[in-house]
Protein backbone atom coordinates (compact mmCIF):
# COMPACT_ATOMS: atom_id res chain seq x y z
CA MET A 1 -81.85 -12.51 -59.47
CA SER A 2 -82.30 -10.89 -62.94
CA LEU A 3 -79.59 -10.04 -65.40
CA ARG A 4 -80.31 -6.30 -65.32
CA PHE A 5 -79.94 -6.23 -61.40
CA LYS A 6 -76.59 -8.16 -61.87
CA VAL A 7 -75.39 -5.65 -64.37
CA MET A 8 -76.45 -2.65 -62.07
CA ILE A 9 -74.59 -4.22 -59.25
CA TYR A 10 -71.41 -4.85 -61.55
CA ASP A 11 -71.81 -1.19 -62.71
CA LYS A 12 -71.74 0.33 -59.21
CA GLU A 13 -68.74 -1.89 -58.17
CA ILE A 14 -66.76 -0.61 -61.19
CA ARG A 15 -67.66 2.98 -60.30
CA ALA A 16 -66.52 2.39 -56.60
CA ARG A 17 -63.19 0.90 -57.85
CA PHE A 18 -62.74 3.79 -60.31
CA ILE A 19 -63.42 6.37 -57.63
CA ARG A 20 -61.11 4.67 -55.24
CA ARG A 21 -58.35 4.50 -57.93
CA PHE A 22 -58.97 8.25 -58.92
CA ARG A 23 -58.64 9.41 -55.21
CA ARG A 24 -55.45 7.40 -54.83
CA CYS A 25 -53.96 8.91 -58.04
CA LYS A 26 -55.00 12.50 -56.83
CA LYS A 27 -53.29 11.79 -53.44
CA ILE A 28 -50.06 10.59 -55.04
CA GLY A 29 -50.02 13.51 -57.48
CA ILE A 30 -50.26 16.01 -54.53
CA GLU A 31 -47.39 14.09 -52.79
CA ILE A 32 -45.41 14.42 -55.94
CA GLU A 33 -46.11 18.10 -56.32
CA GLU A 34 -45.21 18.65 -52.47
CA PHE A 35 -41.94 16.74 -53.06
CA ILE A 36 -41.03 18.93 -56.18
CA GLU A 37 -42.03 22.20 -54.25
CA GLY A 38 -39.56 21.12 -51.45
CA ILE A 39 -36.53 21.09 -53.92
CA GLU A 40 -34.47 24.15 -53.04
CA ASP A 41 -32.39 24.54 -56.18
CA SER A 42 -34.53 26.19 -58.83
CA ARG A 43 -32.63 24.45 -61.73
CA THR A 44 -33.20 20.88 -60.28
CA ARG A 45 -36.97 21.79 -59.38
CA LEU A 46 -37.54 22.93 -62.98
CA VAL A 47 -36.19 19.50 -64.17
CA PHE A 48 -38.69 17.70 -61.81
CA GLN A 49 -41.56 20.00 -62.90
CA LEU A 50 -41.06 19.58 -66.47
CA ARG A 51 -40.57 15.78 -66.31
CA TYR A 52 -43.33 14.82 -63.86
CA ILE A 53 -45.89 17.58 -64.01
CA GLU A 54 -45.69 18.53 -67.53
CA GLY A 55 -44.53 15.17 -68.99
CA LYS A 56 -41.67 16.52 -71.06
CA SER A 57 -38.84 14.39 -72.45
CA TRP A 58 -35.21 14.56 -71.09
CA VAL A 59 -34.19 15.98 -74.49
CA TYR A 60 -36.81 18.91 -74.35
CA ILE A 61 -35.87 19.64 -70.80
CA SER A 62 -32.08 19.64 -71.60
CA ARG A 63 -32.63 22.06 -74.41
CA GLN A 64 -34.75 24.27 -72.10
CA LEU A 65 -31.86 24.53 -69.83
CA GLY A 66 -29.55 25.52 -72.55
CA SER A 67 -27.67 22.33 -73.02
CA THR A 68 -26.93 20.39 -76.34
CA ASN A 69 -26.14 17.30 -74.09
CA GLU A 70 -29.40 15.39 -74.29
CA SER A 71 -28.77 13.63 -70.98
CA TYR A 72 -28.07 16.86 -69.12
CA ALA A 73 -31.38 17.05 -67.50
CA ARG A 74 -31.26 13.33 -66.53
CA MET A 75 -27.91 13.93 -64.91
CA ILE A 76 -29.24 16.60 -62.85
CA HIS A 77 -32.28 14.50 -61.82
CA ASN A 78 -30.15 11.53 -60.83
CA ARG A 79 -27.53 13.60 -58.98
CA TYR A 80 -30.58 15.04 -56.80
CA LEU A 81 -31.92 11.60 -56.23
CA SER A 82 -28.63 10.01 -55.16
CA ILE A 83 -27.99 12.58 -52.34
């Protein structure tokens, strides 16, 4: 078996692995979005959207909610998950 053929096989395996991982990540992303959409309280839903969809920091989210307390958004988040 030639080196070129081995490289082609390896390349196909890597592409297949990448596609599987991409599909799995996409599925998980959809599940996260559905979870967030199911949160009834709009303020709590906003906290989750900003954190997990937009990737914002806790400080940023707290300020968007009008709080000077940097951990305000995290408290809303944790309180919801402890229910």
